[in-house]
Amino acid sequence: MGFFRLLAVYLKVGVLSELEYRVNFYIQLLRSAIGLTTGLAGLSIVFGHTDTLWGWRQPELLALLGVYFLGSGLIGLVIQPSMQRFMEDVRQGTLDFVLTKPEDSQVLVSVRQVQIWKVVDLLLGVVVIGIALVQLGEAVGFWQAVSFVVALLSGATIIYAFWLMLATLSFWFVKIENILVIFQSMYQAGRWPVGIYPLWLRSTLTFVVPVAFATTVPAEALAGRLTPETLAGSVALAAVLLVVSRRVWSIGVRQYAGASA
């Protein structure tokens, strides 16, 4: 429970800090509205010419768009700002202040920076998914609901572990921001089912940069097209990446030479 306790503390700190700059809320609201409008416009254009896209109906792709916003909100809320601050601390040699605290250092660097206005994306994602569920109607049963929650949690874990491993490279390399920018660009491809992309890109989005598990797989659960094997693979990948990211973090910390070195 230490992770959630610390997350609650830093969320509170983030709220108090961001309330000093309330104009950021309106900027984020505008950016999110533009992003949602762009996504909906894309769906409108596609389904103005066809009834399905690679077998996906419009409500199913709407659910995928909602999952995309959920993931984007989670990344922008805590993962990206925390990892960027962590990399900055490594460059400046100030990570000592984290490593000497009586809490798990990985947990601390994972939650200590919060951009609270990114909650807007989370809320938009929930709303869009809700609308998609209404449109899907009785097509969503108990299995779909359970598998969606499991796939969504697995996808969030995969994204976190992947970001942590990328950020941990800063222990060995000075500049890795470009890698994170590439990941963000790749994540934007998650607005659409990975099946529509060429084989090389589909393989990249599944096995190299696991965007598919964060967006397409949870949406497949709601659409009733997710197989038990794929769901099990998503859970297994999340568990493996979590363990590997912990190992990479431990090795990286031993390589760190900060201000006290």
Foldseek 3Di string as FASTA:
>chain_A
DVLVVVLVVLLVVLVVVCVVPCVVLVVLVVVLVVVVVVLVVVLVVVCVVPQADVNHGSLLLLLLLLLLLLLVLVCQFFAVVLLVVVLVCLLQQNLVVQVPDPDDSVSCSRRNHGNNSSVSSNVSSVVSNVVSCVVCDPLFDPQLVVLLVLLQVLLNLLVNLVSLLQSLCSLPDVDSVVVVVVLVVLLVVSSDALVNDPPVNSCCCVPVNVSCSSRVQSSCSRVVNHDPVVSVVSNVSSVVSNVVSVVSNVVSVVSGDGPVD
